[in-house]
Amino acid sequence: MSNMEEQAREARAEAALTALISRCLLRPSLEFAEEVQRGEVADAFGEMLRDCPDEKVVAALGELRAFCEEAAGSAPDDARLMLETDFNRLFMGPGTLLAVPYESFYKTMKDENGRGHLRGPSEQQVAACYALNGFKMPDHFVDFADNIAIELEFLGVMADKEADAFLAGNEEEAAAIRNAAEAFREKHPMSWIGEFAHDVRSGARRAFYPAIITIAEQTILRS
């Protein structure tokens, strides 16, 4: 395998991991809950991260598998409800959100004495970055551009584009894509993932979302 083929393989693996994390942070569907019950989600993470030495990732994988095994003993709709109850409690409401999944909230909270709000300047910057890199939000994202799942989806798409460039033999283009993705990663999701992850772990009643956000924090969004 040539060096560029190996770099393409690594970028494709990064894209797959990022896309899976993003999918886990969307509102859970019945189909997704059934995948959780069958152990497919835990198996996919386990395969992608089988060589990861990070102790926090190893622990999160164990917690994720335990949750999937618990869900396997329930009816599919009950398993979906297990996920959706925590999803709504953390990210959607009704009521006060315990882990607001928008960059603008955390950025404006820092700037405005703790009074975070949505649709801040960072949301506009994120949307502009998407447009600059030809990223259009998929139909399943009916939301603001700075939602954590969308920011991760964007990074996954960029990693796929990087892999395509390597396979086409265009190392310069691959490097430009990687640099753009790294600049976005540092300026946007990495600038608020720590506070968001803390709120997820503090507010969740079940292990699924803390495990997912720990995996994200320790892999794709690790400094």
N, C-alpha and C. Protein backbone atom coordinates (compact mmCIF):
# COMPACT_ATOMS: atom_id res chain seq x y z
N MET A 1 0.85 -1.20 0.00
CA MET A 1 0.00 0.00 0.00
C MET A 1 0.88 1.25 0.00
N SER A 2 0.61 2.18 -0.92
CA SER A 2 1.39 3.40 -0.99
C SER A 2 1.06 4.32 0.17
N ASN A 3 1.90 5.34 0.35
CA ASN A 3 1.68 6.29 1.43
C ASN A 3 0.35 7.02 1.27
N MET A 4 0.01 7.42 0.03
CA MET A 4 -1.25 8.13 -0.17
C MET A 4 -2.45 7.21 0.04
N GLU A 5 -2.31 5.94 -0.32
CA GLU A 5 -3.39 4.99 -0.06
C GLU A 5 -3.60 4.80 1.43
N GLU A 6 -2.51 4.76 2.17
CA GLU A 6 -2.62 4.64 3.63
C GLU A 6 -3.26 5.88 4.24
N GLN A 7 -2.88 7.05 3.75
CA GLN A 7 -3.50 8.29 4.24
C GLN A 7 -4.98 8.35 3.89
N ALA A 8 -5.33 7.85 2.72
CA ALA A 8 -6.74 7.79 2.33
C ALA A 8 -7.51 6.85 3.26
N ARG A 9 -6.91 5.72 3.59
CA ARG A 9 -7.55 4.76 4.49
C ARG A 9 -7.78 5.39 5.87
N GLU A 10 -6.80 6.12 6.37
CA GLU A 10 -6.94 6.76 7.67
C GLU A 10 -8.03 7.84 7.64
N ALA A 11 -8.07 8.61 6.57
CA ALA A 11 -9.09 9.65 6.45
C ALA A 11 -10.48 9.03 6.36
N ARG A 12 -10.60 7.92 5.62
CA ARG A 12 -11.90 7.25 5.49
C ARG A 12 -12.35 6.70 6.85
N ALA A 13 -11.42 6.17 7.63
CA ALA A 13 -11.76 5.66 8.96
C ALA A 13 -12.23 6.80 9.87
N GLU A 14 -11.56 7.94 9.77
CA GLU A 14 -11.96 9.11 10.55
C GLU A 14 -13.36 9.56 10.14
N ALA A 15 -13.63 9.55 8.84
CA ALA A 15 -14.95 9.95 8.34
C ALA A 15 -16.04 9.03 8.89
N ALA A 16 -15.77 7.72 8.89
CA ALA A 16 -16.77 6.75 9.36
C ALA A 16 -17.05 6.93 10.85
N LEU A 17 -16.00 7.13 11.65
CA LEU A 17 -16.18 7.33 13.09
C LEU A 17 -16.95 8.61 13.36
N THR A 18 -16.59 9.67 12.67
CA THR A 18 -17.25 10.96 12.88
C THR A 18 -18.72 10.89 12.49
N ALA A 19 -19.02 10.23 11.38
CA ALA A 19 -20.40 10.10 10.93
C ALA A 19 -21.23 9.30 11.92
N LEU A 20 -20.64 8.25 12.51
CA LEU A 20 -21.37 7.44 13.49
C LEU A 20 -21.66 8.24 14.76
N ILE A 21 -20.67 8.99 15.23
CA ILE A 21 -20.91 9.83 16.41
C ILE A 21 -22.02 10.84 16.12
N SER A 22 -21.95 11.48 14.96
CA SER A 22 -22.98 12.44 14.58
C SER A 22 -24.35 11.81 14.57
N ARG A 23 -24.46 10.62 14.00
CA ARG A 23 -25.76 9.94 13.94
C ARG A 23 -26.30 9.63 15.33
N CYS A 24 -25.42 9.29 16.24
CA CYS A 24 -25.84 8.98 17.60
C CYS A 24 -26.38 10.20 18.34
N LEU A 25 -26.03 11.39 17.86
CA LEU A 25 -26.47 12.63 18.52
C LEU A 25 -27.69 13.25 17.87
N LEU A 26 -28.28 12.53 16.90
CA LEU A 26 -29.55 12.94 16.32
C LEU A 26 -30.71 12.36 17.14
N ARG A 27 -31.92 12.91 16.95
CA ARG A 27 -33.08 12.34 17.63
C ARG A 27 -33.19 10.86 17.26
N PRO A 28 -33.30 9.98 18.24
CA PRO A 28 -33.29 8.55 17.94
C PRO A 28 -34.58 8.07 17.28
N SER A 29 -34.43 7.37 16.18
CA SER A 29 -35.57 6.78 15.48
C SER A 29 -35.77 5.35 15.98
N LEU A 30 -36.88 4.74 15.60
CA LEU A 30 -37.12 3.35 15.95
C LEU A 30 -36.07 2.46 15.29
N GLU A 31 -35.73 2.75 14.05
CA GLU A 31 -34.70 1.97 13.35
C GLU A 31 -33.37 2.03 14.10
N PHE A 32 -32.99 3.23 14.56
CA PHE A 32 -31.74 3.37 15.30
C PHE A 32 -31.80 2.60 16.61
N ALA A 33 -32.93 2.68 17.31
CA ALA A 33 -33.07 1.96 18.58
C ALA A 33 -32.91 0.45 18.37
N GLU A 34 -33.43 -0.05 17.27
CA GLU A 34 -33.28 -1.48 16.98
C GLU A 34 -31.82 -1.84 16.71
N GLU A 35 -31.08 -0.95 16.05
CA GLU A 35 -29.65 -1.18 15.84
C GLU A 35 -28.90 -1.21 17.17
N VAL A 36 -29.31 -0.33 18.09
CA VAL A 36 -28.73 -0.32 19.43
C VAL A 36 -29.03 -1.64 20.12
N GLN A 37 -30.28 -2.10 20.04
CA GLN A 37 -30.67 -3.35 20.69
C GLN A 37 -29.87 -4.55 20.17
N ARG A 38 -29.66 -4.57 18.88
CA ARG A 38 -28.94 -5.70 18.28
C ARG A 38 -27.43 -5.64 18.54
N GLY A 39 -26.97 -4.57 19.16
CA GLY A 39 -25.55 -4.42 19.44
C GLY A 39 -24.74 -3.89 18.28
N GLU A 40 -25.42 -3.48 17.20
CA GLU A 40 -24.70 -3.04 16.01
C GLU A 40 -23.96 -1.74 16.23
N VAL A 41 -24.54 -0.84 17.01
CA VAL A 41 -23.88 0.44 17.27
C VAL A 41 -22.63 0.22 18.12
N ALA A 42 -22.77 -0.56 19.19
CA ALA A 42 -21.61 -0.85 20.04
C ALA A 42 -20.55 -1.62 19.27
N ASP A 43 -20.97 -2.56 18.43
CA ASP A 43 -20.00 -3.33 17.63
C ASP A 43 -19.24 -2.43 16.67
N ALA A 44 -19.95 -1.48 16.04
CA ALA A 44 -19.30 -0.58 15.09
C ALA A 44 -18.25 0.27 15.78
N PHE A 45 -18.60 0.83 16.94
CA PHE A 45 -17.61 1.60 17.69
C PHE A 45 -16.44 0.72 18.13
N GLY A 46 -16.77 -0.49 18.59
CA GLY A 46 -15.72 -1.39 19.05
C GLY A 46 -14.74 -1.74 17.95
N GLU A 47 -15.24 -1.95 16.74
CA GLU A 47 -14.38 -2.27 15.61
C GLU A 47 -13.51 -1.07 15.23
N MET A 48 -14.12 0.11 15.17
CA MET A 48 -13.38 1.30 14.77
C MET A 48 -12.30 1.68 15.79
N LEU A 49 -12.56 1.38 17.06
CA LEU A 49 -11.67 1.84 18.13
C LEU A 49 -10.97 0.68 18.82
N ARG A 50 -10.86 -0.46 18.14
CA ARG A 50 -10.31 -1.66 18.78
C ARG A 50 -8.86 -1.48 19.22
N ASP A 51 -8.12 -0.59 18.55
CA ASP A 51 -6.71 -0.39 18.91
C ASP A 51 -6.49 0.89 19.72
N CYS A 52 -7.57 1.55 20.12
CA CYS A 52 -7.44 2.81 20.86
C CYS A 52 -7.01 2.52 22.29
N PRO A 53 -5.89 3.09 22.75
CA PRO A 53 -5.39 2.80 24.10
C PRO A 53 -5.98 3.71 25.17
N ASP A 54 -6.75 4.71 24.77
CA ASP A 54 -7.25 5.70 25.72
C ASP A 54 -8.18 5.04 26.73
N GLU A 55 -7.87 5.18 28.02
CA GLU A 55 -8.66 4.52 29.07
C GLU A 55 -10.09 5.04 29.12
N LYS A 56 -10.28 6.32 28.85
CA LYS A 56 -11.63 6.87 28.87
C LYS A 56 -12.48 6.30 27.73
N VAL A 57 -11.85 6.10 26.58
CA VAL A 57 -12.57 5.50 25.45
C VAL A 57 -12.92 4.05 25.77
N VAL A 58 -11.98 3.31 26.32
CA VAL A 58 -12.24 1.91 26.68
C VAL A 58 -13.40 1.82 27.67
N ALA A 59 -13.41 2.72 28.67
CA ALA A 59 -14.49 2.72 29.64
C ALA A 59 -15.82 3.09 28.98
N ALA A 60 -15.79 4.08 28.10
CA ALA A 60 -17.01 4.50 27.41
C ALA A 60 -17.57 3.37 26.55
N LEU A 61 -16.70 2.63 25.88
CA LEU A 61 -17.16 1.49 25.08
C LEU A 61 -17.82 0.44 25.96
N GLY A 62 -17.28 0.20 27.14
CA GLY A 62 -17.90 -0.74 28.06
C GLY A 62 -19.27 -0.26 28.53
N GLU A 63 -19.40 1.02 28.81
CA GLU A 63 -20.68 1.58 29.24
C GLU A 63 -21.70 1.54 28.10
N LEU A 64 -21.22 1.80 26.89
CA LEU A 64 -22.11 1.75 25.73
C LEU A 64 -22.63 0.33 25.51
N ARG A 65 -21.74 -0.65 25.60
CA ARG A 65 -22.17 -2.03 25.40
C ARG A 65 -23.15 -2.46 26.49
N ALA A 66 -22.91 -2.04 27.72
CA ALA A 66 -23.83 -2.38 28.81
C ALA A 66 -25.21 -1.79 28.56
N PHE A 67 -25.25 -0.54 28.08
CA PHE A 67 -26.54 0.07 27.76
C PHE A 67 -27.25 -0.71 26.66
N CYS A 68 -26.51 -1.09 25.61
CA CYS A 68 -27.11 -1.83 24.50
C CYS A 68 -27.66 -3.17 24.97
N GLU A 69 -26.96 -3.83 25.87
CA GLU A 69 -27.44 -5.10 26.41
C GLU A 69 -28.70 -4.90 27.24
N GLU A 70 -28.77 -3.80 27.99
CA GLU A 70 -29.98 -3.48 28.74
C GLU A 70 -31.15 -3.22 27.79
N ALA A 71 -30.89 -2.45 26.75
CA ALA A 71 -31.95 -2.13 25.78
C ALA A 71 -32.43 -3.37 25.04
N ALA A 72 -31.55 -4.35 24.86
CA ALA A 72 -31.91 -5.57 24.13
C ALA A 72 -33.03 -6.34 24.82
N GLY A 73 -33.19 -6.14 26.11
CA GLY A 73 -34.24 -6.84 26.85
C GLY A 73 -35.58 -6.16 26.80
N SER A 74 -35.69 -5.05 26.05
CA SER A 74 -36.93 -4.28 25.97
C SER A 74 -37.56 -4.43 24.59
N ALA A 75 -38.83 -4.08 24.49
CA ALA A 75 -39.48 -3.99 23.19
C ALA A 75 -38.83 -2.85 22.41
N PRO A 76 -38.79 -2.91 21.06
CA PRO A 76 -38.12 -1.86 20.28
C PRO A 76 -38.59 -0.45 20.62
N ASP A 77 -39.90 -0.25 20.78
CA ASP A 77 -40.37 1.10 21.06
C ASP A 77 -39.97 1.54 22.46
N ASP A 78 -39.88 0.61 23.39
CA ASP A 78 -39.41 0.95 24.73
C ASP A 78 -37.92 1.33 24.70
N ALA A 79 -37.16 0.63 23.86
CA ALA A 79 -35.73 0.98 23.72
C ALA A 79 -35.58 2.37 23.12
N ARG A 80 -36.42 2.68 22.13
CA ARG A 80 -36.38 4.02 21.55
C ARG A 80 -36.73 5.06 22.62
N LEU A 81 -37.71 4.74 23.45
CA LEU A 81 -38.12 5.68 24.50
C LEU A 81 -37.01 5.87 25.52
N MET A 82 -36.24 4.83 25.81
CA MET A 82 -35.10 4.96 26.72
C MET A 82 -34.13 6.01 26.19
N LEU A 83 -33.88 5.95 24.88
CA LEU A 83 -32.98 6.91 24.26
C LEU A 83 -33.62 8.30 24.18
N GLU A 84 -34.86 8.33 23.73
CA GLU A 84 -35.50 9.63 23.47
C GLU A 84 -35.75 10.41 24.75
N THR A 85 -36.03 9.72 25.84
CA THR A 85 -36.26 10.42 27.11
C THR A 85 -35.02 11.20 27.52
N ASP A 86 -33.86 10.56 27.43
CA ASP A 86 -32.63 11.27 27.77
C ASP A 86 -32.28 12.31 26.71
N PHE A 87 -32.53 12.01 25.43
CA PHE A 87 -32.27 12.97 24.36
C PHE A 87 -33.06 14.25 24.62
N ASN A 88 -34.35 14.13 24.91
CA ASN A 88 -35.18 15.31 25.16
C ASN A 88 -34.75 16.03 26.43
N ARG A 89 -34.45 15.27 27.45
CA ARG A 89 -34.02 15.87 28.72
C ARG A 89 -32.76 16.71 28.54
N LEU A 90 -31.83 16.20 27.75
CA LEU A 90 -30.56 16.89 27.55
C LEU A 90 -30.64 17.99 26.51
N PHE A 91 -31.16 17.65 25.31
CA PHE A 91 -30.93 18.46 24.12
C PHE A 91 -32.16 19.17 23.55
N MET A 92 -33.37 18.71 23.89
CA MET A 92 -34.54 19.16 23.14
C MET A 92 -35.60 19.86 24.00
N GLY A 93 -35.84 19.41 25.18
CA GLY A 93 -36.93 19.92 25.99
C GLY A 93 -38.17 19.05 25.80
N PRO A 94 -39.34 19.45 26.33
CA PRO A 94 -39.63 20.77 26.88
C PRO A 94 -38.91 21.02 28.21
N GLY A 95 -38.92 22.27 28.60
CA GLY A 95 -38.24 22.66 29.82
C GLY A 95 -36.81 23.10 29.54
N THR A 96 -36.10 23.40 30.58
CA THR A 96 -34.72 23.87 30.47
C THR A 96 -33.83 22.74 29.96
N LEU A 97 -33.06 23.02 28.93
CA LEU A 97 -32.15 22.02 28.40
C LEU A 97 -30.97 21.87 29.35
N LEU A 98 -30.56 20.64 29.57
CA LEU A 98 -29.45 20.38 30.48
C LEU A 98 -28.10 20.40 29.78
N ALA A 99 -28.11 20.17 28.46
CA ALA A 99 -26.89 20.22 27.66
C ALA A 99 -27.27 20.81 26.30
N VAL A 100 -27.14 22.10 26.17
CA VAL A 100 -27.60 22.79 24.95
C VAL A 100 -26.65 22.43 23.80
N PRO A 101 -27.15 21.81 22.72
CA PRO A 101 -26.25 21.27 21.69
C PRO A 101 -25.83 22.28 20.63
N TYR A 102 -25.75 23.56 21.00
CA TYR A 102 -25.43 24.62 20.04
C TYR A 102 -24.21 25.43 20.50
N GLU A 103 -23.29 25.61 19.58
CA GLU A 103 -22.08 26.37 19.88
C GLU A 103 -22.41 27.79 20.35
N SER A 104 -23.37 28.44 19.72
CA SER A 104 -23.68 29.83 20.06
C SER A 104 -24.03 29.99 21.53
N PHE A 105 -24.72 29.01 22.10
CA PHE A 105 -25.11 29.11 23.50
C PHE A 105 -23.88 29.23 24.39
N TYR A 106 -22.89 28.37 24.17
CA TYR A 106 -21.71 28.37 25.03
C TYR A 106 -20.83 29.59 24.76
N LYS A 107 -20.75 30.01 23.50
CA LYS A 107 -19.93 31.17 23.18
C LYS A 107 -20.54 32.45 23.76
N THR A 108 -21.86 32.62 23.64
CA THR A 108 -22.48 33.84 24.17
C THR A 108 -22.55 33.79 25.69
N MET A 109 -22.59 32.60 26.27
CA MET A 109 -22.58 32.48 27.73
C MET A 109 -21.28 33.04 28.29
N LYS A 110 -20.17 32.80 27.57
CA LYS A 110 -18.88 33.35 28.00
C LYS A 110 -18.85 34.86 27.85
N ASP A 111 -19.44 35.36 26.79
CA ASP A 111 -19.34 36.78 26.46
C ASP A 111 -20.36 37.65 27.19
N GLU A 112 -21.46 37.04 27.66
CA GLU A 112 -22.57 37.84 28.19
C GLU A 112 -22.95 37.44 29.61
N ASN A 113 -21.94 37.22 30.43
CA ASN A 113 -22.14 36.97 31.86
C ASN A 113 -23.10 35.82 32.14
N GLY A 114 -22.91 34.73 31.42
CA GLY A 114 -23.69 33.53 31.70
C GLY A 114 -25.03 33.43 31.03
N ARG A 115 -25.44 34.43 30.27
CA ARG A 115 -26.75 34.41 29.61
C ARG A 115 -26.58 33.93 28.17
N GLY A 116 -26.43 32.65 28.01
CA GLY A 116 -26.24 32.10 26.68
C GLY A 116 -27.52 32.17 25.85
N HIS A 117 -27.37 32.32 24.55
CA HIS A 117 -28.54 32.31 23.65
C HIS A 117 -28.13 31.72 22.31
N LEU A 118 -29.12 31.39 21.51
CA LEU A 118 -28.90 30.77 20.21
C LEU A 118 -28.77 31.82 19.12
N ARG A 119 -28.36 31.36 17.94
CA ARG A 119 -28.22 32.20 16.75
C ARG A 119 -27.23 33.33 16.95
N GLY A 120 -26.15 33.07 17.69
CA GLY A 120 -25.11 34.07 17.89
C GLY A 120 -24.18 34.15 16.70
N PRO A 121 -23.17 35.01 16.77
CA PRO A 121 -22.23 35.18 15.65
C PRO A 121 -21.55 33.88 15.23
N SER A 122 -21.28 32.99 16.19
CA SER A 122 -20.59 31.75 15.84
C SER A 122 -21.44 30.87 14.92
N GLU A 123 -22.76 30.92 15.07
CA GLU A 123 -23.62 30.14 14.17
C GLU A 123 -23.49 30.64 12.74
N GLN A 124 -23.38 31.95 12.57
CA GLN A 124 -23.20 32.53 11.24
C GLN A 124 -21.82 32.16 10.67
N GLN A 125 -20.80 32.14 11.53
CA GLN A 125 -19.45 31.75 11.08
C GLN A 125 -19.42 30.29 10.65
N VAL A 126 -20.10 29.43 11.40
CA VAL A 126 -20.16 28.01 11.04
C VAL A 126 -20.85 27.84 9.70
N ALA A 127 -21.99 28.50 9.52
CA ALA A 127 -22.73 28.40 8.26
C ALA A 127 -21.88 28.89 7.09
N ALA A 128 -21.13 29.96 7.30
CA ALA A 128 -20.27 30.49 6.24
C ALA A 128 -19.17 29.49 5.88
N CYS A 129 -18.65 28.80 6.88
CA CYS A 129 -17.62 27.79 6.63
C CYS A 129 -18.18 26.63 5.83
N TYR A 130 -19.39 26.22 6.16
CA TYR A 130 -20.04 25.17 5.37
C TYR A 130 -20.14 25.59 3.90
N ALA A 131 -20.64 26.80 3.70
CA ALA A 131 -20.84 27.28 2.33
C ALA A 131 -19.52 27.36 1.57
N LEU A 132 -18.48 27.84 2.25
CA LEU A 132 -17.17 27.98 1.62
C LEU A 132 -16.62 26.63 1.16
N ASN A 133 -16.97 25.57 1.88
CA ASN A 133 -16.45 24.24 1.56
C ASN A 133 -17.47 23.36 0.84
N GLY A 134 -18.55 23.98 0.35
CA GLY A 134 -19.52 23.25 -0.46
C GLY A 134 -20.36 22.26 0.31
N PHE A 135 -20.52 22.47 1.62
CA PHE A 135 -21.31 21.55 2.45
C PHE A 135 -22.73 22.08 2.59
N LYS A 136 -23.68 21.26 2.19
CA LYS A 136 -25.10 21.59 2.38
C LYS A 136 -25.68 20.64 3.41
N MET A 137 -26.35 21.19 4.40
CA MET A 137 -26.88 20.35 5.47
C MET A 137 -27.88 19.34 4.90
N PRO A 138 -27.71 18.05 5.23
CA PRO A 138 -28.66 17.04 4.75
C PRO A 138 -30.07 17.31 5.26
N ASP A 139 -31.05 16.69 4.62
CA ASP A 139 -32.45 16.93 4.96
C ASP A 139 -32.77 16.57 6.41
N HIS A 140 -32.03 15.58 6.98
CA HIS A 140 -32.35 15.18 8.35
C HIS A 140 -31.89 16.21 9.38
N PHE A 141 -31.17 17.24 8.96
CA PHE A 141 -30.77 18.31 9.86
C PHE A 141 -31.69 19.51 9.68
N VAL A 142 -32.81 19.49 10.34
CA VAL A 142 -33.70 20.65 10.32
C VAL A 142 -33.38 21.42 11.60
N ASP A 143 -32.31 22.18 11.55
CA ASP A 143 -31.79 22.77 12.78
C ASP A 143 -30.82 23.89 12.44
N PHE A 144 -30.29 24.54 13.49
CA PHE A 144 -29.30 25.58 13.29
C PHE A 144 -27.97 24.95 12.91
N ALA A 145 -27.16 25.70 12.20
CA ALA A 145 -25.91 25.15 11.66
C ALA A 145 -24.92 24.74 12.72
N ASP A 146 -24.98 25.36 13.92
CA ASP A 146 -23.97 25.09 14.94
C ASP A 146 -24.38 24.00 15.93
N ASN A 147 -25.35 23.17 15.56
CA ASN A 147 -25.65 21.98 16.35
C ASN A 147 -24.45 21.04 16.33
N ILE A 148 -24.12 20.41 17.45
CA ILE A 148 -22.93 19.57 17.53
C ILE A 148 -22.97 18.44 16.50
N ALA A 149 -24.14 17.86 16.27
CA ALA A 149 -24.24 16.76 15.29
C ALA A 149 -23.91 17.24 13.89
N ILE A 150 -24.31 18.46 13.56
CA ILE A 150 -24.05 18.99 12.22
C ILE A 150 -22.58 19.35 12.07
N GLU A 151 -21.99 19.94 13.10
CA GLU A 151 -20.56 20.25 13.03
C GLU A 151 -19.74 18.97 12.83
N LEU A 152 -20.14 17.89 13.50
CA LEU A 152 -19.44 16.62 13.32
C LEU A 152 -19.70 16.04 11.94
N GLU A 153 -20.92 16.15 11.45
CA GLU A 153 -21.23 15.67 10.10
C GLU A 153 -20.34 16.37 9.07
N PHE A 154 -20.15 17.66 9.25
CA PHE A 154 -19.29 18.42 8.35
C PHE A 154 -17.86 17.89 8.38
N LEU A 155 -17.34 17.64 9.57
CA LEU A 155 -15.98 17.10 9.67
C LEU A 155 -15.87 15.74 9.02
N GLY A 156 -16.92 14.93 9.13
CA GLY A 156 -16.91 13.64 8.47
C GLY A 156 -16.89 13.76 6.96
N VAL A 157 -17.68 14.67 6.43
CA VAL A 157 -17.70 14.91 4.99
C VAL A 157 -16.34 15.40 4.51
N MET A 158 -15.71 16.27 5.28
CA MET A 158 -14.39 16.77 4.90
C MET A 158 -13.36 15.65 4.90
N ALA A 159 -13.44 14.74 5.87
CA ALA A 159 -12.52 13.61 5.90
C ALA A 159 -12.72 12.70 4.69
N ASP A 160 -13.96 12.52 4.27
CA ASP A 160 -14.23 11.73 3.06
C ASP A 160 -13.65 12.41 1.82
N LYS A 161 -13.79 13.72 1.76
CA LYS A 161 -13.23 14.47 0.62
C LYS A 161 -11.71 14.38 0.61
N GLU A 162 -11.12 14.39 1.78
CA GLU A 162 -9.67 14.25 1.87
C GLU A 162 -9.23 12.88 1.34
N ALA A 163 -9.96 11.84 1.73
CA ALA A 163 -9.65 10.49 1.25
C ALA A 163 -9.77 10.41 -0.27
N ASP A 164 -10.82 11.02 -0.82
CA ASP A 164 -11.01 11.02 -2.28
C ASP A 164 -9.83 11.70 -2.98
N ALA A 165 -9.36 12.80 -2.39
CA ALA A 165 -8.24 13.53 -3.00
C ALA A 165 -6.97 12.67 -2.98
N PHE A 166 -6.73 11.99 -1.89
CA PHE A 166 -5.55 11.10 -1.83
C PHE A 166 -5.65 10.00 -2.87
N LEU A 167 -6.83 9.39 -3.00
CA LEU A 167 -7.00 8.29 -3.95
C LEU A 167 -6.88 8.77 -5.39
N ALA A 168 -7.18 10.06 -5.62
CA ALA A 168 -7.02 10.65 -6.95
C ALA A 168 -5.57 11.08 -7.21
N GLY A 169 -4.71 10.90 -6.21
CA GLY A 169 -3.32 11.28 -6.36
C GLY A 169 -3.04 12.74 -6.17
N ASN A 170 -4.01 13.49 -5.62
CA ASN A 170 -3.85 14.94 -5.46
C ASN A 170 -3.52 15.24 -4.00
N GLU A 171 -2.26 15.12 -3.66
CA GLU A 171 -1.82 15.34 -2.28
C GLU A 171 -1.99 16.79 -1.85
N GLU A 172 -1.80 17.71 -2.76
CA GLU A 172 -1.95 19.13 -2.42
C GLU A 172 -3.39 19.46 -2.05
N GLU A 173 -4.34 18.92 -2.82
CA GLU A 173 -5.76 19.16 -2.50
C GLU A 173 -6.13 18.51 -1.18
N ALA A 174 -5.62 17.30 -0.94
CA ALA A 174 -5.90 16.62 0.32
C ALA A 174 -5.40 17.44 1.50
N ALA A 175 -4.20 18.02 1.36
CA ALA A 175 -3.64 18.83 2.43
C ALA A 175 -4.49 20.09 2.67
N ALA A 176 -4.99 20.70 1.60
CA ALA A 176 -5.82 21.90 1.74
C ALA A 176 -7.13 21.56 2.46
N ILE A 177 -7.71 20.41 2.13
CA ILE A 177 -8.95 19.98 2.79
C ILE A 177 -8.69 19.70 4.27
N ARG A 178 -7.60 19.00 4.55
CA ARG A 178 -7.24 18.72 5.94
C ARG A 178 -7.02 20.00 6.73
N ASN A 179 -6.33 20.97 6.15
CA ASN A 179 -6.08 22.23 6.84
C ASN A 179 -7.37 22.97 7.13
N ALA A 180 -8.29 22.97 6.16
CA ALA A 180 -9.58 23.65 6.36
C ALA A 180 -10.37 22.96 7.47
N ALA A 181 -10.35 21.62 7.47
CA ALA A 181 -11.07 20.88 8.51
C ALA A 181 -10.46 21.12 9.88
N GLU A 182 -9.13 21.15 9.96
CA GLU A 182 -8.47 21.36 11.25
C GLU A 182 -8.77 22.76 11.79
N ALA A 183 -8.77 23.75 10.90
CA ALA A 183 -9.09 25.12 11.33
C ALA A 183 -10.50 25.19 11.88
N PHE A 184 -11.43 24.51 11.20
CA PHE A 184 -12.83 24.48 11.67
C PHE A 184 -12.93 23.75 13.00
N ARG A 185 -12.27 22.61 13.09
CA ARG A 185 -12.33 21.79 14.31
C ARG A 185 -11.87 22.60 15.53
N GLU A 186 -10.76 23.31 15.37
CA GLU A 186 -10.19 24.05 16.50
C GLU A 186 -11.03 25.28 16.86
N LYS A 187 -11.51 25.98 15.86
CA LYS A 187 -12.26 27.22 16.11
C LYS A 187 -13.68 26.94 16.60
N HIS A 188 -14.25 25.83 16.16
CA HIS A 188 -15.66 25.59 16.46
C HIS A 188 -15.89 24.44 17.44
N PRO A 189 -16.04 23.17 17.06
CA PRO A 189 -16.44 22.18 18.08
C PRO A 189 -15.48 22.03 19.24
N MET A 190 -14.18 22.13 18.99
CA MET A 190 -13.23 21.95 20.09
C MET A 190 -13.26 23.10 21.08
N SER A 191 -13.81 24.24 20.68
CA SER A 191 -13.84 25.40 21.56
C SER A 191 -14.95 25.33 22.60
N TRP A 192 -15.88 24.36 22.44
CA TRP A 192 -16.97 24.26 23.41
C TRP A 192 -17.30 22.83 23.83
N ILE A 193 -16.60 21.85 23.26
CA ILE A 193 -16.94 20.45 23.56
C ILE A 193 -16.74 20.12 25.03
N GLY A 194 -15.75 20.73 25.69
CA GLY A 194 -15.50 20.40 27.09
C GLY A 194 -16.68 20.75 27.98
N GLU A 195 -17.21 21.96 27.83
CA GLU A 195 -18.36 22.38 28.64
C GLU A 195 -19.61 21.58 28.30
N PHE A 196 -19.81 21.35 27.00
CA PHE A 196 -20.95 20.57 26.57
C PHE A 196 -20.87 19.14 27.12
N ALA A 197 -19.71 18.51 27.01
CA ALA A 197 -19.54 17.14 27.50
C ALA A 197 -19.80 17.07 29.01
N HIS A 198 -19.33 18.06 29.74
CA HIS A 198 -19.58 18.12 31.19
C HIS A 198 -21.07 18.15 31.46
N ASP A 199 -21.81 18.95 30.71
CA ASP A 199 -23.25 19.07 30.92
C ASP A 199 -23.98 17.78 30.54
N VAL A 200 -23.51 17.11 29.49
CA VAL A 200 -24.11 15.82 29.11
C VAL A 200 -23.92 14.81 30.24
N ARG A 201 -22.71 14.71 30.74
CA ARG A 201 -22.43 13.73 31.79
C ARG A 201 -23.17 14.06 33.08
N SER A 202 -23.35 15.35 33.36
CA SER A 202 -24.03 15.76 34.59
C SER A 202 -25.54 15.55 34.50
N GLY A 203 -26.10 15.72 33.29
CA GLY A 203 -27.55 15.71 33.15
C GLY A 203 -28.17 14.39 32.73
N ALA A 204 -27.39 13.49 32.14
CA ALA A 204 -27.95 12.24 31.62
C ALA A 204 -28.33 11.29 32.75
N ARG A 205 -29.38 10.53 32.52
CA ARG A 205 -29.79 9.51 33.47
C ARG A 205 -29.34 8.11 33.05
N ARG A 206 -29.01 7.97 31.78
CA ARG A 206 -28.53 6.69 31.26
C ARG A 206 -27.15 6.89 30.63
N ALA A 207 -26.49 5.78 30.34
CA ALA A 207 -25.08 5.84 29.95
C ALA A 207 -24.85 6.17 28.49
N PHE A 208 -25.89 6.10 27.65
CA PHE A 208 -25.66 6.17 26.21
C PHE A 208 -25.01 7.49 25.79
N TYR A 209 -25.62 8.62 26.09
CA TYR A 209 -25.10 9.89 25.59
C TYR A 209 -23.78 10.30 26.25
N PRO A 210 -23.59 10.07 27.56
CA PRO A 210 -22.24 10.32 28.10
C PRO A 210 -21.16 9.49 27.43
N ALA A 211 -21.47 8.23 27.09
CA ALA A 211 -20.47 7.40 26.41
C ALA A 211 -20.15 7.94 25.04
N ILE A 212 -21.17 8.35 24.29
CA ILE A 212 -20.95 8.86 22.94
C ILE A 212 -20.14 10.15 22.97
N ILE A 213 -20.48 11.05 23.88
CA ILE A 213 -19.78 12.34 23.91
C ILE A 213 -18.36 12.18 24.43
N THR A 214 -18.11 11.20 25.29
CA THR A 214 -16.75 10.91 25.73
C THR A 214 -15.91 10.39 24.57
N ILE A 215 -16.50 9.51 23.77
CA ILE A 215 -15.78 9.01 22.60
C ILE A 215 -15.44 10.16 21.65
N ALA A 216 -16.40 11.05 21.42
CA ALA A 216 -16.15 12.20 20.55
C ALA A 216 -15.04 13.07 21.12
N GLU A 217 -15.10 13.34 22.40
CA GLU A 217 -14.15 14.25 23.05
C GLU A 217 -12.73 13.67 23.04
N GLN A 218 -12.63 12.35 23.16
CA GLN A 218 -11.31 11.71 23.28
C GLN A 218 -10.73 11.26 21.94
N THR A 219 -11.51 11.36 20.87
CA THR A 219 -11.01 10.92 19.56
C THR A 219 -11.06 12.06 18.55
N ILE A 220 -12.20 12.27 17.95
CA ILE A 220 -12.33 13.27 16.89
C ILE A 220 -12.04 14.67 17.38
N LEU A 221 -12.41 14.99 18.61
CA LEU A 221 -12.26 16.37 19.11
C LEU A 221 -11.20 16.47 20.21
N ARG A 222 -10.24 15.59 20.16
CA ARG A 222 -9.17 15.64 21.16
C ARG A 222 -8.09 16.63 20.72
N SER A 223 -7.63 17.45 21.65
CA SER A 223 -6.61 18.45 21.32
C SER A 223 -5.23 17.83 21.31
